[in-house]
Amino acid sequence: MLKYTVLVLLVGIPKLLLQAQVSYEAIFVSLTSEENSKPFDLSNLRLIGRERILNGTFEVLEDLDEEHFQISVEIYSNAARDGNFKLIPLSIPRQGLCTFFKKYGFYLRDCIKNGINTDLYVNTTSCLFPKGKYYLKNVTINVQNWPIIMQRGLCRHVGTLYKDDVQIGSYNITSSIEDRAPKYY
């Protein structure tokens, strides 16, 4: 009987966790970059309204490929919302740009879709981010693919880009994670 109970718990609990709805929502707080950061120019992107919807244009200043460009990401949290961010033990080590988007791109795919709210098309077979100017329209954060449990408060993702092993830019995306408002029918 004990073996059966353990088996049910080992099979049932992960299944329940995977089917659970996230109990939070996230909105953009800020999108910033270091001065003279390359290879992106984000200076024409704006957060609009109370919902903090991302709109505007951005520029990819040169063709980006796996061979020359790498990215690493550090994640910081600030539950008190007082500006005192703490590095959390989740980070993405430096890796090729295409490898990064193949592993973690699903976090963005639900938010940014070619032909719907952007004209940026990334060819995943040749893995090239082409140089050019692109638009983002009505981009919000979709948390459906995020972990079930997230600390509430501010969350900052700091992406550092490298070209041929030399740091060329740093970009910060700060979001606010809050409990989802209950829906009354």
C-alpha atoms as a PDB file:
ATOM      1  CA  MET A   1       0.000   0.000   0.000  1.00  0.00           C
ATOM      2  CA  LEU A   2       2.844   2.387   0.834  1.00  0.00           C
ATOM      3  CA  LYS A   3       4.476   1.767  -2.560  1.00  0.00           C
ATOM      4  CA  TYR A   4       1.193   2.562  -4.316  1.00  0.00           C
ATOM      5  CA  THR A   5       0.758   5.811  -2.339  1.00  0.00           C
ATOM      6  CA  VAL A   6       4.305   6.919  -3.133  1.00  0.00           C
ATOM      7  CA  LEU A   7       3.783   6.110  -6.828  1.00  0.00           C
ATOM      8  CA  VAL A   8       0.552   8.140  -6.923  1.00  0.00           C
ATOM      9  CA  LEU A   9       2.279  11.095  -5.270  1.00  0.00           C
ATOM     10  CA  LEU A  10       5.288  10.948  -7.622  1.00  0.00           C
ATOM     11  CA  VAL A  11       3.048  10.806 -10.704  1.00  0.00           C
ATOM     12  CA  GLY A  12       0.135  12.964  -9.550  1.00  0.00           C
ATOM     13  CA  ILE A  13       1.806  15.975  -7.960  1.00  0.00           C
ATOM     14  CA  PRO A  14       4.002  16.956 -10.938  1.00  0.00           C
ATOM     15  CA  LYS A  15       0.977  16.571 -13.220  1.00  0.00           C
ATOM     16  CA  LEU A  16      -1.068  18.888 -11.005  1.00  0.00           C
ATOM     17  CA  LEU A  17       1.732  21.445 -10.897  1.00  0.00           C
ATOM     18  CA  LEU A  18       2.068  21.448 -14.690  1.00  0.00           C
ATOM     19  CA  GLN A  19      -1.678  22.028 -15.139  1.00  0.00           C
ATOM     20  CA  ALA A  20      -1.931  24.774 -12.524  1.00  0.00           C
ATOM     21  CA  GLN A  21      -2.629  28.302 -13.672  1.00  0.00           C
ATOM     22  CA  VAL A  22      -0.127  30.956 -12.707  1.00  0.00           C
ATOM     23  CA  SER A  23      -1.479  33.127  -9.912  1.00  0.00           C
ATOM     24  CA  TYR A  24       0.338  36.280 -10.939  1.00  0.00           C
ATOM     25  CA  GLU A  25       0.693  38.725 -13.797  1.00  0.00           C
ATOM     26  CA  ALA A  26       3.597  40.853 -14.966  1.00  0.00           C
ATOM     27  CA  ILE A  27       3.822  44.288 -16.540  1.00  0.00           C
ATOM     28  CA  PHE A  28       6.767  46.240 -17.904  1.00  0.00           C
ATOM     29  CA  VAL A  29       8.246  48.871 -15.608  1.00  0.00           C
ATOM     30  CA  SER A  30      11.230  49.976 -17.685  1.00  0.00           C
ATOM     31  CA  LEU A  31      13.402  49.098 -20.647  1.00  0.00           C
ATOM     32  CA  THR A  32      16.860  50.669 -20.566  1.00  0.00           C
ATOM     33  CA  SER A  33      20.339  50.224 -21.978  1.00  0.00           C
ATOM     34  CA  GLU A  34      23.824  51.429 -21.193  1.00  0.00           C
ATOM     35  CA  GLU A  35      24.954  54.472 -23.143  1.00  0.00           C
ATOM     36  CA  ASN A  36      26.323  53.529 -26.584  1.00  0.00           C
ATOM     37  CA  SER A  37      25.141  49.926 -26.225  1.00  0.00           C
ATOM     38  CA  LYS A  38      25.226  47.875 -29.366  1.00  0.00           C
ATOM     39  CA  PRO A  39      23.920  46.026 -31.386  1.00  0.00           C
ATOM     40  CA  PHE A  40      20.413  47.346 -30.588  1.00  0.00           C
ATOM     41  CA  ASP A  41      19.104  50.907 -30.485  1.00  0.00           C
ATOM     42  CA  LEU A  42      16.034  50.882 -28.233  1.00  0.00           C
ATOM     43  CA  SER A  43      15.746  54.660 -27.849  1.00  0.00           C
ATOM     44  CA  ASN A  44      12.433  54.842 -29.753  1.00  0.00           C
ATOM     45  CA  LEU A  45      10.585  52.268 -27.665  1.00  0.00           C
ATOM     46  CA  ARG A  46       8.045  53.573 -25.155  1.00  0.00           C
ATOM     47  CA  LEU A  47       5.858  52.121 -22.424  1.00  0.00           C
ATOM     48  CA  ILE A  48       2.321  53.432 -22.871  1.00  0.00           C
ATOM     49  CA  GLY A  49      -0.521  53.840 -20.394  1.00  0.00           C
ATOM     50  CA  ARG A  50      -1.353  52.294 -17.072  1.00  0.00           C
ATOM     51  CA  GLU A  51      -0.925  48.821 -18.602  1.00  0.00           C
ATOM     52  CA  ARG A  52       2.669  49.711 -19.606  1.00  0.00           C
ATOM     53  CA  ILE A  53       2.306  48.362 -23.148  1.00  0.00           C
ATOM     54  CA  LEU A  54       5.501  48.427 -25.215  1.00  0.00           C
ATOM     55  CA  ASN A  55       5.285  50.340 -28.505  1.00  0.00           C
ATOM     56  CA  GLY A  56       7.685  51.938 -30.960  1.00  0.00           C
ATOM     57  CA  THR A  57      10.589  51.049 -33.174  1.00  0.00           C
ATOM     58  CA  PHE A  58      13.994  49.584 -32.495  1.00  0.00           C
ATOM     59  CA  GLU A  59      17.011  49.136 -34.709  1.00  0.00           C
ATOM     60  CA  VAL A  60      19.326  46.177 -35.138  1.00  0.00           C
ATOM     61  CA  LEU A  61      22.564  47.965 -36.019  1.00  0.00           C
ATOM     62  CA  GLU A  62      24.318  44.996 -37.673  1.00  0.00           C
ATOM     63  CA  ASP A  63      23.513  41.442 -38.758  1.00  0.00           C
ATOM     64  CA  LEU A  64      23.644  39.199 -35.693  1.00  0.00           C
ATOM     65  CA  ASP A  65      24.723  35.580 -35.942  1.00  0.00           C
ATOM     66  CA  GLU A  66      25.763  32.689 -33.706  1.00  0.00           C
ATOM     67  CA  GLU A  67      29.431  32.808 -34.642  1.00  0.00           C
ATOM     68  CA  HIS A  68      30.245  36.357 -33.511  1.00  0.00           C
ATOM     69  CA  PHE A  69      27.553  37.309 -30.963  1.00  0.00           C
ATOM     70  CA  GLN A  70      26.931  35.957 -27.480  1.00  0.00           C
ATOM     71  CA  ILE A  71      24.583  36.863 -24.632  1.00  0.00           C
ATOM     72  CA  SER A  72      24.394  36.251 -20.892  1.00  0.00           C
ATOM     73  CA  VAL A  73      21.521  37.124 -18.563  1.00  0.00           C
ATOM     74  CA  GLU A  74      21.453  37.849 -14.844  1.00  0.00           C
ATOM     75  CA  ILE A  75      18.184  38.119 -12.928  1.00  0.00           C
ATOM     76  CA  TYR A  76      17.629  40.411  -9.949  1.00  0.00           C
ATOM     77  CA  SER A  77      14.671  40.667  -7.574  1.00  0.00           C
ATOM     78  CA  ASN A  78      13.354  43.466  -5.386  1.00  0.00           C
ATOM     79  CA  ALA A  79      10.352  42.329  -3.346  1.00  0.00           C
ATOM     80  CA  ALA A  80      10.229  45.563  -1.310  1.00  0.00           C
ATOM     81  CA  ARG A  81      10.188  47.708  -4.490  1.00  0.00           C
ATOM     82  CA  ASP A  82      12.704  50.073  -2.895  1.00  0.00           C
ATOM     83  CA  GLY A  83      15.368  49.971  -5.617  1.00  0.00           C
ATOM     84  CA  ASN A  84      17.572  47.538  -3.700  1.00  0.00           C
ATOM     85  CA  PHE A  85      17.836  44.698  -6.239  1.00  0.00           C
ATOM     86  CA  LYS A  86      19.390  41.387  -5.165  1.00  0.00           C
ATOM     87  CA  LEU A  87      20.961  38.934  -7.605  1.00  0.00           C
ATOM     88  CA  ILE A  88      19.007  35.681  -7.494  1.00  0.00           C
ATOM     89  CA  PRO A  89      20.587  32.299  -8.189  1.00  0.00           C
ATOM     90  CA  LEU A  90      19.080  32.069 -11.662  1.00  0.00           C
ATOM     91  CA  SER A  91      21.215  33.208 -14.531  1.00  0.00           C
ATOM     92  CA  ILE A  92      21.912  32.225 -18.092  1.00  0.00           C
ATOM     93  CA  PRO A  93      25.610  31.750 -18.796  1.00  0.00           C
ATOM     94  CA  ARG A  94      27.209  33.292 -21.858  1.00  0.00           C
ATOM     95  CA  GLN A  95      26.241  31.454 -25.020  1.00  0.00           C
ATOM     96  CA  GLY A  96      25.703  32.091 -28.695  1.00  0.00           C
ATOM     97  CA  LEU A  97      22.754  34.319 -29.567  1.00  0.00           C
ATOM     98  CA  CYS A  98      20.983  31.622 -31.581  1.00  0.00           C
ATOM     99  CA  THR A  99      21.557  28.974 -28.915  1.00  0.00           C
ATOM    100  CA  PHE A 100      20.027  31.374 -26.394  1.00  0.00           C
ATOM    101  CA  PHE A 101      16.897  31.974 -28.491  1.00  0.00           C
ATOM    102  CA  LYS A 102      16.474  28.265 -29.221  1.00  0.00           C
ATOM    103  CA  LYS A 103      16.624  27.441 -25.483  1.00  0.00           C
ATOM    104  CA  TYR A 104      14.755  30.415 -24.011  1.00  0.00           C
ATOM    105  CA  GLY A 105      12.899  32.026 -26.905  1.00  0.00           C
ATOM    106  CA  PHE A 106       9.596  30.490 -25.850  1.00  0.00           C
ATOM    107  CA  TYR A 107       9.403  33.130 -23.108  1.00  0.00           C
ATOM    108  CA  LEU A 108       9.211  35.788 -25.847  1.00  0.00           C
ATOM    109  CA  ARG A 109       7.244  33.951 -28.545  1.00  0.00           C
ATOM    110  CA  ASP A 110       3.918  34.451 -26.766  1.00  0.00           C
ATOM    111  CA  CYS A 111       4.599  38.196 -26.425  1.00  0.00           C
ATOM    112  CA  ILE A 112       6.182  39.081 -29.770  1.00  0.00           C
ATOM    113  CA  LYS A 113       4.757  37.509 -32.936  1.00  0.00           C
ATOM    114  CA  ASN A 114       5.842  38.247 -36.492  1.00  0.00           C
ATOM    115  CA  GLY A 115       3.023  39.739 -38.546  1.00  0.00           C
ATOM    116  CA  ILE A 116       0.905  40.513 -35.477  1.00  0.00           C
ATOM    117  CA  ASN A 117       2.878  42.955 -33.355  1.00  0.00           C
ATOM    118  CA  THR A 118       6.293  43.088 -35.067  1.00  0.00           C
ATOM    119  CA  ASP A 119       7.829  42.872 -38.508  1.00  0.00           C
ATOM    120  CA  LEU A 120      11.043  41.211 -37.265  1.00  0.00           C
ATOM    121  CA  TYR A 121      11.377  37.734 -38.743  1.00  0.00           C
ATOM    122  CA  VAL A 122      14.078  35.487 -37.367  1.00  0.00           C
ATOM    123  CA  ASN A 123      15.055  32.637 -39.648  1.00  0.00           C
ATOM    124  CA  THR A 124      15.718  29.814 -37.205  1.00  0.00           C
ATOM    125  CA  THR A 125      17.478  27.571 -39.742  1.00  0.00           C
ATOM    126  CA  SER A 126      20.167  30.039 -40.805  1.00  0.00           C
ATOM    127  CA  CYS A 127      19.890  31.814 -37.451  1.00  0.00           C
ATOM    128  CA  LEU A 128      20.397  35.402 -38.511  1.00  0.00           C
ATOM    129  CA  PHE A 129      18.946  38.516 -36.951  1.00  0.00           C
ATOM    130  CA  PRO A 130      19.055  40.887 -39.929  1.00  0.00           C
ATOM    131  CA  LYS A 131      20.190  44.495 -39.663  1.00  0.00           C
ATOM    132  CA  GLY A 132      17.293  46.944 -39.947  1.00  0.00           C
ATOM    133  CA  LYS A 133      14.580  48.965 -38.256  1.00  0.00           C
ATOM    134  CA  TYR A 134      11.603  47.084 -36.802  1.00  0.00           C
ATOM    135  CA  TYR A 135       8.424  47.950 -34.957  1.00  0.00           C
ATOM    136  CA  LEU A 136       6.824  46.588 -31.798  1.00  0.00           C
ATOM    137  CA  LYS A 137       3.111  47.215 -31.320  1.00  0.00           C
ATOM    138  CA  ASN A 138       1.064  46.578 -28.177  1.00  0.00           C
ATOM    139  CA  VAL A 139       3.545  44.166 -26.587  1.00  0.00           C
ATOM    140  CA  THR A 140       2.602  42.901 -23.130  1.00  0.00           C
ATOM    141  CA  ILE A 141       4.182  40.222 -20.961  1.00  0.00           C
ATOM    142  CA  ASN A 142       2.519  36.812 -21.229  1.00  0.00           C
ATOM    143  CA  VAL A 143       3.402  34.700 -18.177  1.00  0.00           C
ATOM    144  CA  GLN A 144       1.718  31.433 -19.212  1.00  0.00           C
ATOM    145  CA  ASN A 145       5.103  29.747 -19.876  1.00  0.00           C
ATOM    146  CA  TRP A 146       6.755  31.187 -16.768  1.00  0.00           C
ATOM    147  CA  PRO A 147       7.297  29.108 -13.604  1.00  0.00           C
ATOM    148  CA  ILE A 148       4.208  28.466 -11.468  1.00  0.00           C
ATOM    149  CA  ILE A 149       5.783  30.121  -8.426  1.00  0.00           C
ATOM    150  CA  MET A 150       7.405  33.548  -8.726  1.00  0.00           C
ATOM    151  CA  GLN A 151       8.404  36.035  -6.069  1.00  0.00           C
ATOM    152  CA  ARG A 152       6.218  39.122  -6.135  1.00  0.00           C
ATOM    153  CA  GLY A 153       7.791  42.545  -6.580  1.00  0.00           C
ATOM    154  CA  LEU A 154      10.165  43.917  -9.177  1.00  0.00           C
ATOM    155  CA  CYS A 155      12.179  41.610 -11.394  1.00  0.00           C
ATOM    156  CA  ARG A 156      15.089  42.860 -13.510  1.00  0.00           C
ATOM    157  CA  HIS A 157      16.665  40.910 -16.355  1.00  0.00           C
ATOM    158  CA  VAL A 158      20.071  42.245 -17.354  1.00  0.00           C
ATOM    159  CA  GLY A 159      21.224  40.976 -20.749  1.00  0.00           C
ATOM    160  CA  THR A 160      24.864  41.523 -21.641  1.00  0.00           C
ATOM    161  CA  LEU A 161      25.883  41.177 -25.281  1.00  0.00           C
ATOM    162  CA  TYR A 162      29.330  40.289 -26.575  1.00  0.00           C
ATOM    163  CA  LYS A 163      30.873  40.439 -30.025  1.00  0.00           C
ATOM    164  CA  ASP A 164      33.929  38.246 -30.523  1.00  0.00           C
ATOM    165  CA  ASP A 165      34.261  37.934 -26.706  1.00  0.00           C
ATOM    166  CA  VAL A 166      34.224  41.717 -26.114  1.00  0.00           C
ATOM    167  CA  GLN A 167      31.288  43.242 -24.204  1.00  0.00           C
ATOM    168  CA  ILE A 168      29.412  45.640 -26.493  1.00  0.00           C
ATOM    169  CA  GLY A 169      26.167  46.346 -24.677  1.00  0.00           C
ATOM    170  CA  SER A 170      23.933  45.837 -21.694  1.00  0.00           C
ATOM    171  CA  TYR A 171      20.126  45.999 -21.663  1.00  0.00           C
ATOM    172  CA  ASN A 172      17.761  45.994 -18.660  1.00  0.00           C
ATOM    173  CA  ILE A 173      14.144  44.902 -18.675  1.00  0.00           C
ATOM    174  CA  THR A 174      12.384  45.531 -15.382  1.00  0.00           C
ATOM    175  CA  SER A 175       8.933  44.097 -14.742  1.00  0.00           C
ATOM    176  CA  SER A 176       6.502  44.144 -11.862  1.00  0.00           C
ATOM    177  CA  ILE A 177       5.098  40.800 -10.754  1.00  0.00           C
ATOM    178  CA  GLU A 178       1.852  41.010  -8.816  1.00  0.00           C
ATOM    179  CA  ASP A 179      -0.973  38.732  -7.762  1.00  0.00           C
ATOM    180  CA  ARG A 180      -3.538  38.280 -10.517  1.00  0.00           C
ATOM    181  CA  ALA A 181      -6.737  40.185  -9.871  1.00  0.00           C
ATOM    182  CA  PRO A 182      -9.610  37.783  -9.172  1.00  0.00           C
ATOM    183  CA  LYS A 183     -12.262  37.469 -11.864  1.00  0.00           C
ATOM    184  CA  TYR A 184     -15.871  37.649 -10.745  1.00  0.00           C
ATOM    185  CA  TYR A 185     -18.529  36.346 -13.074  1.00  0.00           C
END
